[in-house]
PDB file of N, CA and C in Angstrom:
ATOM      1  N   MET A   1      15.996  83.798  20.552  1.00  0.00           N
ATOM      2  CA  MET A   1      16.827  83.345  21.646  1.00  0.00           C
ATOM      3  C   MET A   1      16.222  83.756  22.981  1.00  0.00           C
ATOM      4  N   ALA A   2      15.683  84.977  23.081  1.00  0.00           N
ATOM      5  CA  ALA A   2      15.081  85.448  24.325  1.00  0.00           C
ATOM      6  C   ALA A   2      13.878  84.590  24.686  1.00  0.00           C
ATOM      7  N   ALA A   3      13.091  84.189  23.693  1.00  0.00           N
ATOM      8  CA  ALA A   3      11.940  83.331  23.956  1.00  0.00           C
ATOM      9  C   ALA A   3      12.389  81.976  24.484  1.00  0.00           C
ATOM     10  N   THR A   4      13.489  81.450  23.947  1.00  0.00           N
ATOM     11  CA  THR A   4      14.019  80.178  24.411  1.00  0.00           C
ATOM     12  C   THR A   4      14.476  80.293  25.860  1.00  0.00           C
ATOM     13  N   ASN A   5      15.194  81.355  26.207  1.00  0.00           N
ATOM     14  CA  ASN A   5      15.635  81.547  27.588  1.00  0.00           C
ATOM     15  C   ASN A   5      14.450  81.658  28.525  1.00  0.00           C
ATOM     16  N   TYR A   6      13.407  82.373  28.103  1.00  0.00           N
ATOM     17  CA  TYR A   6      12.216  82.506  28.928  1.00  0.00           C
ATOM     18  C   TYR A   6      11.569  81.143  29.147  1.00  0.00           C
ATOM     19  N   LYS A   7      11.463  80.346  28.086  1.00  0.00           N
ATOM     20  CA  LYS A   7      10.874  79.010  28.209  1.00  0.00           C
ATOM     21  C   LYS A   7      11.681  78.149  29.169  1.00  0.00           C
ATOM     22  N   LEU A   8      13.008  78.232  29.121  1.00  0.00           N
ATOM     23  CA  LEU A   8      13.842  77.461  30.032  1.00  0.00           C
ATOM     24  C   LEU A   8      13.650  77.928  31.473  1.00  0.00           C
ATOM     25  N   GLN A   9      13.526  79.235  31.682  1.00  0.00           N
ATOM     26  CA  GLN A   9      13.297  79.747  33.030  1.00  0.00           C
ATOM     27  C   GLN A   9      11.957  79.258  33.560  1.00  0.00           C
ATOM     28  N   VAL A  10      10.938  79.276  32.723  1.00  0.00           N
ATOM     29  CA  VAL A  10       9.627  78.782  33.137  1.00  0.00           C
ATOM     30  C   VAL A  10       9.709  77.293  33.439  1.00  0.00           C
ATOM     31  N   TYR A  11      10.409  76.547  32.600  1.00  0.00           N
ATOM     32  CA  TYR A  11      10.565  75.106  32.815  1.00  0.00           C
ATOM     33  C   TYR A  11      11.234  74.838  34.155  1.00  0.00           C
ATOM     34  N   VAL A  12      12.331  75.523  34.452  1.00  0.00           N
ATOM     35  CA  VAL A  12      13.043  75.330  35.719  1.00  0.00           C
ATOM     36  C   VAL A  12      12.113  75.646  36.882  1.00  0.00           C
ATOM     37  N   ALA A  13      11.390  76.743  36.799  1.00  0.00           N
ATOM     38  CA  ALA A  13      10.473  77.115  37.878  1.00  0.00           C
ATOM     39  C   ALA A  13       9.404  76.045  38.086  1.00  0.00           C
ATOM     40  N   LEU A  14       8.866  75.508  37.000  1.00  0.00           N
ATOM     41  CA  LEU A  14       7.848  74.464  37.117  1.00  0.00           C
ATOM     42  C   LEU A  14       8.408  73.182  37.724  1.00  0.00           C
ATOM     43  N   VAL A  15       9.590  72.772  37.284  1.00  0.00           N
ATOM     44  CA  VAL A  15      10.191  71.555  37.823  1.00  0.00           C
ATOM     45  C   VAL A  15      10.448  71.701  39.320  1.00  0.00           C
ATOM     46  N   VAL A  16      10.984  72.833  39.721  1.00  0.00           N
ATOM     47  CA  VAL A  16      11.250  73.054  41.140  1.00  0.00           C
ATOM     48  C   VAL A  16       9.942  73.055  41.923  1.00  0.00           C
ATOM     49  N   ALA A  17       8.912  73.707  41.401  1.00  0.00           N
ATOM     50  CA  ALA A  17       7.624  73.742  42.090  1.00  0.00           C
ATOM     51  C   ALA A  17       7.047  72.336  42.250  1.00  0.00           C
ATOM     52  N   VAL A  18       7.159  71.530  41.206  1.00  0.00           N
ATOM     53  CA  VAL A  18       6.651  70.157  41.283  1.00  0.00           C
ATOM     54  C   VAL A  18       7.452  69.346  42.302  1.00  0.00           C
ATOM     55  N   MET A  19       8.776  69.504  42.315  1.00  0.00           N
ATOM     56  CA  MET A  19       9.594  68.753  43.269  1.00  0.00           C
ATOM     57  C   MET A  19       9.253  69.155  44.700  1.00  0.00           C
ATOM     58  N   VAL A  20       9.053  70.420  44.933  1.00  0.00           N
ATOM     59  CA  VAL A  20       8.701  70.884  46.278  1.00  0.00           C
ATOM     60  C   VAL A  20       7.321  70.379  46.656  1.00  0.00           C
ATOM     61  N   ALA A  21       6.372  70.470  45.742  1.00  0.00           N
ATOM     62  CA  ALA A  21       5.015  70.008  46.018  1.00  0.00           C
ATOM     63  C   ALA A  21       4.966  68.502  46.243  1.00  0.00           C
ATOM     64  N   ALA A  22       5.885  67.780  45.608  1.00  0.00           N
ATOM     65  CA  ALA A  22       5.898  66.325  45.729  1.00  0.00           C
ATOM     66  C   ALA A  22       6.576  65.850  46.999  1.00  0.00           C
ATOM     67  N   GLY A  23       7.012  66.737  47.827  1.00  0.00           N
ATOM     68  CA  GLY A  23       7.628  66.315  49.088  1.00  0.00           C
ATOM     69  C   GLY A  23       8.897  67.061  49.355  1.00  0.00           C
ATOM     70  N   GLY A  24       8.873  68.329  49.257  1.00  0.00           N
ATOM     71  CA  GLY A  24      10.056  69.150  49.439  1.00  0.00           C
ATOM     72  C   GLY A  24      10.763  68.926  50.750  1.00  0.00           C
ATOM     73  N   ARG A  25      10.019  68.462  51.776  1.00  0.00           N
ATOM     74  CA  ARG A  25      10.662  68.237  53.077  1.00  0.00           C
ATOM     75  C   ARG A  25      11.787  67.220  52.956  1.00  0.00           C
ATOM     76  N   HIS A  26      11.573  66.144  52.205  1.00  0.00           N
ATOM     77  CA  HIS A  26      12.627  65.136  52.096  1.00  0.00           C
ATOM     78  C   HIS A  26      13.643  65.492  51.018  1.00  0.00           C
ATOM     79  N   LEU A  27      13.368  66.486  50.192  1.00  0.00           N
ATOM     80  CA  LEU A  27      14.328  66.874  49.172  1.00  0.00           C
ATOM     81  C   LEU A  27      15.479  67.678  49.757  1.00  0.00           C
ATOM     82  N   ALA A  28      15.233  68.433  50.791  1.00  0.00           N
ATOM     83  CA  ALA A  28      16.305  69.197  51.419  1.00  0.00           C
ATOM     84  C   ALA A  28      16.941  68.326  52.483  1.00  0.00           C
ATOM     85  N   ALA A  29      18.166  67.902  52.229  1.00  0.00           N
ATOM     86  CA  ALA A  29      18.892  67.074  53.187  1.00  0.00           C
ATOM     87  C   ALA A  29      19.232  67.923  54.400  1.00  0.00           C
ATOM     88  N   ASP A  30      20.113  67.426  55.248  1.00  0.00           N
ATOM     89  CA  ASP A  30      20.455  68.126  56.475  1.00  0.00           C
ATOM     90  C   ASP A  30      21.046  69.501  56.216  1.00  0.00           C
ATOM     91  N   GLY A  31      21.708  69.683  55.079  1.00  0.00           N
ATOM     92  CA  GLY A  31      22.409  70.934  54.806  1.00  0.00           C
ATOM     93  C   GLY A  31      21.561  71.949  54.086  1.00  0.00           C
ATOM     94  N   ALA A  32      22.228  72.886  53.470  1.00  0.00           N
ATOM     95  CA  ALA A  32      21.555  74.033  52.869  1.00  0.00           C
ATOM     96  C   ALA A  32      21.222  73.841  51.400  1.00  0.00           C
ATOM     97  N   VAL A  33      21.624  72.745  50.773  1.00  0.00           N
ATOM     98  CA  VAL A  33      21.379  72.550  49.348  1.00  0.00           C
ATOM     99  C   VAL A  33      19.893  72.283  49.126  1.00  0.00           C
ATOM    100  N   THR A  34      19.309  73.010  48.186  1.00  0.00           N
ATOM    101  CA  THR A  34      17.910  72.798  47.809  1.00  0.00           C
ATOM    102  C   THR A  34      17.833  72.609  46.294  1.00  0.00           C
ATOM    103  N   CYS A  35      16.736  72.041  45.837  1.00  0.00           N
ATOM    104  CA  CYS A  35      16.564  71.859  44.390  1.00  0.00           C
ATOM    105  C   CYS A  35      16.471  73.200  43.681  1.00  0.00           C
ATOM    106  N   SER A  36      15.899  74.202  44.332  1.00  0.00           N
ATOM    107  CA  SER A  36      15.835  75.503  43.680  1.00  0.00           C
ATOM    108  C   SER A  36      17.230  76.100  43.530  1.00  0.00           C
ATOM    109  N   GLN A  37      18.121  75.852  44.508  1.00  0.00           N
ATOM    110  CA  GLN A  37      19.506  76.314  44.396  1.00  0.00           C
ATOM    111  C   GLN A  37      20.212  75.573  43.264  1.00  0.00           C
ATOM    112  N   VAL A  38      20.009  74.269  43.182  1.00  0.00           N
ATOM    113  CA  VAL A  38      20.610  73.473  42.111  1.00  0.00           C
ATOM    114  C   VAL A  38      20.136  73.995  40.754  1.00  0.00           C
ATOM    115  N   ALA A  39      18.832  74.230  40.634  1.00  0.00           N
ATOM    116  CA  ALA A  39      18.276  74.720  39.371  1.00  0.00           C
ATOM    117  C   ALA A  39      18.873  76.072  38.999  1.00  0.00           C
ATOM    118  N   ALA A  40      19.001  76.953  39.978  1.00  0.00           N
ATOM    119  CA  ALA A  40      19.573  78.275  39.704  1.00  0.00           C
ATOM    120  C   ALA A  40      21.036  78.163  39.286  1.00  0.00           C
ATOM    121  N   ASP A  41      21.778  77.254  39.929  1.00  0.00           N
ATOM    122  CA  ASP A  41      23.199  77.093  39.615  1.00  0.00           C
ATOM    123  C   ASP A  41      23.420  76.552  38.206  1.00  0.00           C
ATOM    124  N   VAL A  42      22.571  75.625  37.772  1.00  0.00           N
ATOM    125  CA  VAL A  42      22.802  74.984  36.475  1.00  0.00           C
ATOM    126  C   VAL A  42      21.985  75.582  35.334  1.00  0.00           C
ATOM    127  N   ALA A  43      21.059  76.471  35.622  1.00  0.00           N
ATOM    128  CA  ALA A  43      20.238  77.070  34.567  1.00  0.00           C
ATOM    129  C   ALA A  43      21.063  77.716  33.447  1.00  0.00           C
ATOM    130  N   PRO A  44      22.196  78.373  33.757  1.00  0.00           N
ATOM    131  CA  PRO A  44      22.989  78.953  32.658  1.00  0.00           C
ATOM    132  C   PRO A  44      23.573  77.906  31.703  1.00  0.00           C
ATOM    133  N   CYS A  45      23.511  76.639  32.072  1.00  0.00           N
ATOM    134  CA  CYS A  45      24.058  75.565  31.233  1.00  0.00           C
ATOM    135  C   CYS A  45      23.038  75.013  30.237  1.00  0.00           C
ATOM    136  N   PHE A  46      21.755  75.313  30.431  1.00  0.00           N
ATOM    137  CA  PHE A  46      20.718  74.666  29.635  1.00  0.00           C
ATOM    138  C   PHE A  46      20.852  74.916  28.140  1.00  0.00           C
ATOM    139  N   ASN A  47      21.143  76.140  27.736  1.00  0.00           N
ATOM    140  CA  ASN A  47      21.297  76.401  26.297  1.00  0.00           C
ATOM    141  C   ASN A  47      22.447  75.600  25.712  1.00  0.00           C
ATOM    142  N   TYR A  48      23.519  75.455  26.463  1.00  0.00           N
ATOM    143  CA  TYR A  48      24.684  74.713  25.982  1.00  0.00           C
ATOM    144  C   TYR A  48      24.371  73.226  25.823  1.00  0.00           C
ATOM    145  N   ILE A  49      23.762  72.612  26.847  1.00  0.00           N
ATOM    146  CA  ILE A  49      23.542  71.160  26.785  1.00  0.00           C
ATOM    147  C   ILE A  49      22.396  70.772  25.852  1.00  0.00           C
ATOM    148  N   THR A  50      21.642  71.766  25.401  1.00  0.00           N
ATOM    149  CA  THR A  50      20.601  71.487  24.404  1.00  0.00           C
ATOM    150  C   THR A  50      21.024  71.946  23.012  1.00  0.00           C
ATOM    151  N   GLY A  51      22.260  72.391  22.873  1.00  0.00           N
ATOM    152  CA  GLY A  51      22.776  72.795  21.576  1.00  0.00           C
ATOM    153  C   GLY A  51      22.245  74.132  21.086  1.00  0.00           C
ATOM    154  N   ARG A  52      21.716  74.938  22.001  1.00  0.00           N
ATOM    155  CA  ARG A  52      21.124  76.225  21.605  1.00  0.00           C
ATOM    156  C   ARG A  52      22.045  77.411  21.856  1.00  0.00           C
ATOM    157  N   GLY A  53      23.226  77.157  22.386  1.00  0.00           N
ATOM    158  CA  GLY A  53      24.119  78.269  22.664  1.00  0.00           C
ATOM    159  C   GLY A  53      25.488  77.777  23.099  1.00  0.00           C
ATOM    160  N   PRO A  54      26.417  78.708  23.258  1.00  0.00           N
ATOM    161  CA  PRO A  54      27.780  78.341  23.666  1.00  0.00           C
ATOM    162  C   PRO A  54      27.862  78.095  25.171  1.00  0.00           C
ATOM    163  N   LEU A  55      28.961  77.517  25.579  1.00  0.00           N
ATOM    164  CA  LEU A  55      29.254  77.363  27.005  1.00  0.00           C
ATOM    165  C   LEU A  55      29.613  78.741  27.541  1.00  0.00           C
ATOM    166  N   VAL A  56      28.851  79.210  28.504  1.00  0.00           N
ATOM    167  CA  VAL A  56      29.066  80.549  29.057  1.00  0.00           C
ATOM    168  C   VAL A  56      29.729  80.439  30.437  1.00  0.00           C
ATOM    169  N   PRO A  57      30.506  81.440  30.818  1.00  0.00           N
ATOM    170  CA  PRO A  57      31.178  81.404  32.129  1.00  0.00           C
ATOM    171  C   PRO A  57      30.214  81.199  33.293  1.00  0.00           C
ATOM    172  N   ALA A  58      28.994  81.710  33.192  1.00  0.00           N
ATOM    173  CA  ALA A  58      28.028  81.548  34.286  1.00  0.00           C
ATOM    174  C   ALA A  58      27.680  80.078  34.515  1.00  0.00           C
ATOM    175  N   CYS A  59      27.735  79.266  33.483  1.00  0.00           N
ATOM    176  CA  CYS A  59      27.475  77.834  33.627  1.00  0.00           C
ATOM    177  C   CYS A  59      28.545  77.192  34.493  1.00  0.00           C
ATOM    178  N   CYS A  60      29.795  77.415  34.147  1.00  0.00           N
ATOM    179  CA  CYS A  60      30.892  76.827  34.929  1.00  0.00           C
ATOM    180  C   CYS A  60      30.907  77.395  36.347  1.00  0.00           C
ATOM    181  N   GLY A  61      30.602  78.670  36.480  1.00  0.00           N
ATOM    182  CA  GLY A  61      30.515  79.273  37.805  1.00  0.00           C
ATOM    183  C   GLY A  61      29.424  78.623  38.639  1.00  0.00           C
ATOM    184  N   GLY A  62      28.306  78.312  38.008  1.00  0.00           N
ATOM    185  CA  GLY A  62      27.217  77.633  38.703  1.00  0.00           C
ATOM    186  C   GLY A  62      27.606  76.239  39.150  1.00  0.00           C
ATOM    187  N   LEU A  63      28.343  75.511  38.305  1.00  0.00           N
ATOM    188  CA  LEU A  63      28.797  74.174  38.700  1.00  0.00           C
ATOM    189  C   LEU A  63      29.759  74.247  39.878  1.00  0.00           C
ATOM    190  N   ARG A  64      30.639  75.232  39.857  1.00  0.00           N
ATOM    191  CA  ARG A  64      31.565  75.407  40.979  1.00  0.00           C
ATOM    192  C   ARG A  64      30.822  75.796  42.254  1.00  0.00           C
ATOM    193  N   SER A  65      29.825  76.642  42.114  1.00  0.00           N
ATOM    194  CA  SER A  65      29.009  77.045  43.257  1.00  0.00           C
ATOM    195  C   SER A  65      28.275  75.843  43.843  1.00  0.00           C
ATOM    196  N   LEU A  66      27.727  75.009  42.981  1.00  0.00           N
ATOM    197  CA  LEU A  66      27.034  73.810  43.427  1.00  0.00           C
ATOM    198  C   LEU A  66      27.997  72.864  44.131  1.00  0.00           C
ATOM    199  N   LYS A  67      29.191  72.698  43.583  1.00  0.00           N
ATOM    200  CA  LYS A  67      30.201  71.849  44.206  1.00  0.00           C
ATOM    201  C   LYS A  67      30.535  72.341  45.608  1.00  0.00           C
ATOM    202  N   ALA A  68      30.675  73.652  45.748  1.00  0.00           N
ATOM    203  CA  ALA A  68      31.013  74.225  47.049  1.00  0.00           C
ATOM    204  C   ALA A  68      29.867  74.058  48.055  1.00  0.00           C
ATOM    205  N   ALA A  69      28.632  74.141  47.580  1.00  0.00           N
ATOM    206  CA  ALA A  69      27.478  74.047  48.473  1.00  0.00           C
ATOM    207  C   ALA A  69      27.200  72.617  48.919  1.00  0.00           C
ATOM    208  N   ALA A  70      27.494  71.657  48.055  1.00  0.00           N
ATOM    209  CA  ALA A  70      27.179  70.252  48.343  1.00  0.00           C
ATOM    210  C   ALA A  70      28.401  69.563  48.934  1.00  0.00           C
ATOM    211  N   GLY A  71      28.650  69.823  50.211  1.00  0.00           N
ATOM    212  CA  GLY A  71      29.852  69.311  50.847  1.00  0.00           C
ATOM    213  C   GLY A  71      29.732  67.922  51.436  1.00  0.00           C
ATOM    214  N   SER A  72      28.544  67.516  51.835  1.00  0.00           N
ATOM    215  CA  SER A  72      28.376  66.205  52.470  1.00  0.00           C
ATOM    216  C   SER A  72      27.766  65.215  51.478  1.00  0.00           C
ATOM    217  N   THR A  73      27.867  63.935  51.807  1.00  0.00           N
ATOM    218  CA  THR A  73      27.285  62.905  50.936  1.00  0.00           C
ATOM    219  C   THR A  73      25.780  63.116  50.759  1.00  0.00           C
ATOM    220  N   PRO A  74      24.991  63.363  51.820  1.00  0.00           N
ATOM    221  CA  PRO A  74      23.556  63.588  51.596  1.00  0.00           C
ATOM    222  C   PRO A  74      23.282  64.803  50.706  1.00  0.00           C
ATOM    223  N   GLU A  75      24.071  65.854  50.836  1.00  0.00           N
ATOM    224  CA  GLU A  75      23.887  67.035  49.991  1.00  0.00           C
ATOM    225  C   GLU A  75      24.233  66.721  48.536  1.00  0.00           C
ATOM    226  N   ARG A  76      25.299  65.957  48.328  1.00  0.00           N
ATOM    227  CA  ARG A  76      25.669  65.587  46.955  1.00  0.00           C
ATOM    228  C   ARG A  76      24.611  64.675  46.346  1.00  0.00           C
ATOM    229  N   GLN A  77      24.062  63.767  47.147  1.00  0.00           N
ATOM    230  CA  GLN A  77      23.015  62.885  46.636  1.00  0.00           C
ATOM    231  C   GLN A  77      21.752  63.675  46.301  1.00  0.00           C
ATOM    232  N   LEU A  78      21.430  64.651  47.121  1.00  0.00           N
ATOM    233  CA  LEU A  78      20.289  65.514  46.847  1.00  0.00           C
ATOM    234  C   LEU A  78      20.519  66.296  45.554  1.00  0.00           C
ATOM    235  N   ALA A  79      21.692  66.892  45.428  1.00  0.00           N
ATOM    236  CA  ALA A  79      22.017  67.647  44.214  1.00  0.00           C
ATOM    237  C   ALA A  79      21.924  66.739  42.992  1.00  0.00           C
ATOM    238  N   CYS A  80      22.386  65.518  43.109  1.00  0.00           N
ATOM    239  CA  CYS A  80      22.318  64.537  42.024  1.00  0.00           C
ATOM    240  C   CYS A  80      20.864  64.270  41.644  1.00  0.00           C
ATOM    241  N   ARG A  81      19.998  64.045  42.639  1.00  0.00           N
ATOM    242  CA  ARG A  81      18.581  63.784  42.350  1.00  0.00           C
ATOM    243  C   ARG A  81      17.927  64.990  41.662  1.00  0.00           C
ATOM    244  N   CYS A  82      18.262  66.181  42.136  1.00  0.00           N
ATOM    245  CA  CYS A  82      17.698  67.387  41.520  1.00  0.00           C
ATOM    246  C   CYS A  82      18.186  67.535  40.083  1.00  0.00           C
ATOM    247  N   LEU A  83      19.489  67.336  39.857  1.00  0.00           N
ATOM    248  CA  LEU A  83      20.040  67.417  38.498  1.00  0.00           C
ATOM    249  C   LEU A  83      19.415  66.373  37.589  1.00  0.00           C
ATOM    250  N   LYS A  84      19.244  65.177  38.124  1.00  0.00           N
ATOM    251  CA  LYS A  84      18.655  64.090  37.351  1.00  0.00           C
ATOM    252  C   LYS A  84      17.241  64.472  36.896  1.00  0.00           C
ATOM    253  N   ALA A  85      16.470  65.047  37.791  1.00  0.00           N
ATOM    254  CA  ALA A  85      15.102  65.457  37.445  1.00  0.00           C
ATOM    255  C   ALA A  85      15.109  66.607  36.443  1.00  0.00           C
ATOM    256  N   LEU A  86      15.979  67.583  36.660  1.00  0.00           N
ATOM    257  CA  LEU A  86      16.045  68.736  35.765  1.00  0.00           C
ATOM    258  C   LEU A  86      16.484  68.341  34.365  1.00  0.00           C
ATOM    259  N   VAL A  87      17.606  67.645  34.282  1.00  0.00           N
ATOM    260  CA  VAL A  87      18.172  67.289  32.983  1.00  0.00           C
ATOM    261  C   VAL A  87      17.314  66.235  32.287  1.00  0.00           C
ATOM    262  N   GLY A  88      16.771  65.307  33.060  1.00  0.00           N
ATOM    263  CA  GLY A  88      15.940  64.257  32.482  1.00  0.00           C
ATOM    264  C   GLY A  88      14.659  64.778  31.862  1.00  0.00           C
ATOM    265  N   GLY A  89      14.161  65.900  32.366  1.00  0.00           N
ATOM    266  CA  GLY A  89      12.926  66.452  31.846  1.00  0.00           C
ATOM    267  C   GLY A  89      13.107  67.596  30.871  1.00  0.00           C
ATOM    268  N   LEU A  90      14.326  68.001  30.650  1.00  0.00           N
ATOM    269  CA  LEU A  90      14.603  69.120  29.750  1.00  0.00           C
ATOM    270  C   LEU A  90      14.600  68.622  28.309  1.00  0.00           C
ATOM    271  N   PRO A  91      13.729  69.150  27.478  1.00  0.00           N
ATOM    272  CA  PRO A  91      13.670  68.676  26.090  1.00  0.00           C
ATOM    273  C   PRO A  91      14.943  69.009  25.316  1.00  0.00           C
ATOM    274  N   GLY A  92      15.401  68.051  24.520  1.00  0.00           N
ATOM    275  CA  GLY A  92      16.509  68.297  23.608  1.00  0.00           C
ATOM    276  C   GLY A  92      17.896  68.195  24.205  1.00  0.00           C
ATOM    277  N   VAL A  93      18.030  67.612  25.395  1.00  0.00           N
ATOM    278  CA  VAL A  93      19.354  67.503  26.007  1.00  0.00           C
ATOM    279  C   VAL A  93      20.222  66.539  25.209  1.00  0.00           C
ATOM    280  N   ASN A  94      21.423  66.973  24.903  1.00  0.00           N
ATOM    281  CA  ASN A  94      22.429  66.117  24.289  1.00  0.00           C
ATOM    282  C   ASN A  94      23.270  65.582  25.444  1.00  0.00           C
ATOM    283  N   PHE A  95      23.073  64.312  25.805  1.00  0.00           N
ATOM    284  CA  PHE A  95      23.750  63.769  26.982  1.00  0.00           C
ATOM    285  C   PHE A  95      25.242  63.594  26.769  1.00  0.00           C
ATOM    286  N   GLY A  96      25.690  63.561  25.530  1.00  0.00           N
ATOM    287  CA  GLY A  96      27.123  63.570  25.263  1.00  0.00           C
ATOM    288  C   GLY A  96      27.736  64.901  25.678  1.00  0.00           C
ATOM    289  N   ILE A  97      27.072  65.980  25.293  1.00  0.00           N
ATOM    290  CA  ILE A  97      27.534  67.314  25.691  1.00  0.00           C
ATOM    291  C   ILE A  97      27.394  67.491  27.201  1.00  0.00           C
ATOM    292  N   ALA A  98      26.237  67.097  27.743  1.00  0.00           N
ATOM    293  CA  ALA A  98      25.994  67.252  29.184  1.00  0.00           C
ATOM    294  C   ALA A  98      27.009  66.455  30.001  1.00  0.00           C
ATOM    295  N   GLY A  99      27.336  65.263  29.537  1.00  0.00           N
ATOM    296  CA  GLY A  99      28.298  64.425  30.262  1.00  0.00           C
ATOM    297  C   GLY A  99      29.694  65.015  30.286  1.00  0.00           C
ATOM    298  N   GLY A 100      30.053  65.771  29.247  1.00  0.00           N
ATOM    299  CA  GLY A 100      31.371  66.386  29.190  1.00  0.00           C
ATOM    300  C   GLY A 100      31.448  67.746  29.852  1.00  0.00           C
ATOM    301  N   LEU A 101      30.310  68.267  30.279  1.00  0.00           N
ATOM    302  CA  LEU A 101      30.268  69.606  30.849  1.00  0.00           C
ATOM    303  C   LEU A 101      31.142  69.774  32.096  1.00  0.00           C
ATOM    304  N   PRO A 102      31.070  68.881  33.074  1.00  0.00           N
ATOM    305  CA  PRO A 102      31.937  69.078  34.250  1.00  0.00           C
ATOM    306  C   PRO A 102      33.416  69.161  33.869  1.00  0.00           C
ATOM    307  N   ASN A 103      33.857  68.312  32.963  1.00  0.00           N
ATOM    308  CA  ASN A 103      35.253  68.332  32.533  1.00  0.00           C
ATOM    309  C   ASN A 103      35.602  69.648  31.835  1.00  0.00           C
ATOM    310  N   ARG A 104      34.713  70.130  30.974  1.00  0.00           N
ATOM    311  CA  ARG A 104      34.951  71.401  30.278  1.00  0.00           C
ATOM    312  C   ARG A 104      35.071  72.556  31.257  1.00  0.00           C
ATOM    313  N   CYS A 105      34.378  72.431  32.400  1.00  0.00           N
ATOM    314  CA  CYS A 105      34.404  73.495  33.411  1.00  0.00           C
ATOM    315  C   CYS A 105      35.475  73.275  34.476  1.00  0.00           C
ATOM    316  N   GLY A 106      36.203  72.166  34.392  1.00  0.00           N
ATOM    317  CA  GLY A 106      37.245  71.891  35.379  1.00  0.00           C
ATOM    318  C   GLY A 106      36.719  71.361  36.696  1.00  0.00           C
ATOM    319  N   VAL A 107      35.526  70.787  36.667  1.00  0.00           N
ATOM    320  CA  VAL A 107      34.927  70.187  37.861  1.00  0.00           C
ATOM    321  C   VAL A 107      34.775  68.700  37.571  1.00  0.00           C
ATOM    322  N   VAL A 108      35.365  67.846  38.381  1.00  0.00           N
ATOM    323  CA  VAL A 108      35.331  66.412  38.135  1.00  0.00           C
ATOM    324  C   VAL A 108      34.206  65.783  38.951  1.00  0.00           C
ATOM    325  N   SER A 109      33.384  64.976  38.289  1.00  0.00           N
ATOM    326  CA  SER A 109      32.275  64.294  38.943  1.00  0.00           C
ATOM    327  C   SER A 109      32.268  62.834  38.516  1.00  0.00           C
ATOM    328  N   PRO A 110      32.286  61.907  39.469  1.00  0.00           N
ATOM    329  CA  PRO A 110      32.251  60.496  39.103  1.00  0.00           C
ATOM    330  C   PRO A 110      30.862  60.024  38.677  1.00  0.00           C
ATOM    331  N   ALA A 111      29.836  60.807  38.978  1.00  0.00           N
ATOM    332  CA  ALA A 111      28.482  60.445  38.573  1.00  0.00           C
ATOM    333  C   ALA A 111      28.196  61.062  37.205  1.00  0.00           C
ATOM    334  N   PRO A 112      27.775  60.246  36.250  1.00  0.00           N
ATOM    335  CA  PRO A 112      27.501  60.790  34.919  1.00  0.00           C
ATOM    336  C   PRO A 112      26.259  61.676  34.912  1.00  0.00           C
ATOM    337  N   VAL A 113      26.221  62.621  34.006  1.00  0.00           N
ATOM    338  CA  VAL A 113      25.031  63.438  33.823  1.00  0.00           C
ATOM    339  C   VAL A 113      24.087  62.617  32.957  1.00  0.00           C
ATOM    340  N   SER A 114      23.099  62.025  33.592  1.00  0.00           N
ATOM    341  CA  SER A 114      22.219  61.089  32.907  1.00  0.00           C
ATOM    342  C   SER A 114      20.908  60.971  33.673  1.00  0.00           C
ATOM    343  N   PRO A 115      19.796  60.759  32.968  1.00  0.00           N
ATOM    344  CA  PRO A 115      18.531  60.576  33.676  1.00  0.00           C
ATOM    345  C   PRO A 115      18.431  59.209  34.345  1.00  0.00           C
ATOM    346  N   THR A 116      19.422  58.335  34.119  1.00  0.00           N
ATOM    347  CA  THR A 116      19.365  56.996  34.706  1.00  0.00           C
ATOM    348  C   THR A 116      20.404  56.774  35.809  1.00  0.00           C
ATOM    349  N   VAL A 117      21.159  57.793  36.173  1.00  0.00           N
ATOM    350  CA  VAL A 117      22.173  57.635  37.209  1.00  0.00           C
ATOM    351  C   VAL A 117      21.504  57.305  38.541  1.00  0.00           C
ATOM    352  N   ASP A 118      22.122  56.417  39.319  1.00  0.00           N
ATOM    353  CA  ASP A 118      21.630  56.063  40.654  1.00  0.00           C
ATOM    354  C   ASP A 118      22.304  56.983  41.664  1.00  0.00           C
ATOM    355  N   CYS A 119      21.596  57.973  42.124  1.00  0.00           N
ATOM    356  CA  CYS A 119      22.165  58.981  43.021  1.00  0.00           C
ATOM    357  C   CYS A 119      22.421  58.453  44.426  1.00  0.00           C
ATOM    358  N   ASN A 120      21.833  57.327  44.773  1.00  0.00           N
ATOM    359  CA  ASN A 120      22.019  56.776  46.110  1.00  0.00           C
ATOM    360  C   ASN A 120      23.121  55.732  46.175  1.00  0.00           C
ATOM    361  N   ARG A 121      23.691  55.397  45.032  1.00  0.00           N
ATOM    362  CA  ARG A 121      24.712  54.352  44.977  1.00  0.00           C
ATOM    363  C   ARG A 121      26.060  54.913  45.403  1.00  0.00           C
ATOM    364  N   GLY A 122      26.666  54.302  46.380  1.00  0.00           N
ATOM    365  CA  GLY A 122      27.979  54.738  46.834  1.00  0.00           C
ATOM    366  C   GLY A 122      27.956  56.147  47.368  1.00  0.00           C
ATOM    367  N   GLN A 123      29.073  56.782  47.329  1.00  0.00           N
ATOM    368  CA  GLN A 123      29.183  58.157  47.778  1.00  0.00           C
ATOM    369  C   GLN A 123      29.406  59.031  46.554  1.00  0.00           C
ATOM    370  N   VAL A 124      28.381  59.728  46.153  1.00  0.00           N
ATOM    371  CA  VAL A 124      28.490  60.637  45.020  1.00  0.00           C
ATOM    372  C   VAL A 124      29.445  61.743  45.444  1.00  0.00           C
ATOM    373  N   ARG A 125      30.563  61.847  44.752  1.00  0.00           N
ATOM    374  CA  ARG A 125      31.573  62.841  45.105  1.00  0.00           C
ATOM    375  C   ARG A 125      31.824  63.766  43.940  1.00  0.00           C
ATOM    376  N   VAL A 126      32.078  64.998  44.247  1.00  0.00           N
ATOM    377  CA  VAL A 126      32.473  65.981  43.253  1.00  0.00           C
ATOM    378  C   VAL A 126      33.713  66.658  43.802  1.00  0.00           C
ATOM    379  N   ARG A 127      34.765  66.678  43.027  1.00  0.00           N
ATOM    380  CA  ARG A 127      35.994  67.312  43.513  1.00  0.00           C
ATOM    381  C   ARG A 127      36.524  68.254  42.444  1.00  0.00           C
ATOM    382  N   GLN A 128      37.166  69.292  42.894  1.00  0.00           N
ATOM    383  CA  GLN A 128      37.749  70.278  41.987  1.00  0.00           C
ATOM    384  C   GLN A 128      39.054  69.709  41.427  1.00  0.00           C
ATOM    385  N   ARG A 129      39.320  69.964  40.152  1.00  0.00           N
ATOM    386  CA  ARG A 129      40.581  69.520  39.565  1.00  0.00           C
ATOM    387  C   ARG A 129      41.673  70.471  39.933  1.00  0.00           C
TER     388      ARG A 129
END
């Protein structure tokens, strides 16, 4: 299990590094949300959405933290793009489990957790239940 967590941490670090190297200036919208913040907030969820562990309180706490940080439409769209890249590249993701994660944590999101979601369509909103 420790080796799996280490691999996930390395994966998150690599994805964030690639996103920053690929144009980090445009990834950070006007606000304070960054892809590295998104990755840190959702990293505790990776074992759960890949079927390698239970849903832990830190996962739901991270989703709530992300919701609080992404207050504007550009910030929510940025967070969506970062999540899309992270989840889309994570091996073994069960998108049925990932899609139900916000509901399990009491955070409602109209955008599905999917590598094919259009983050620029409409106003991506996340609201607390």
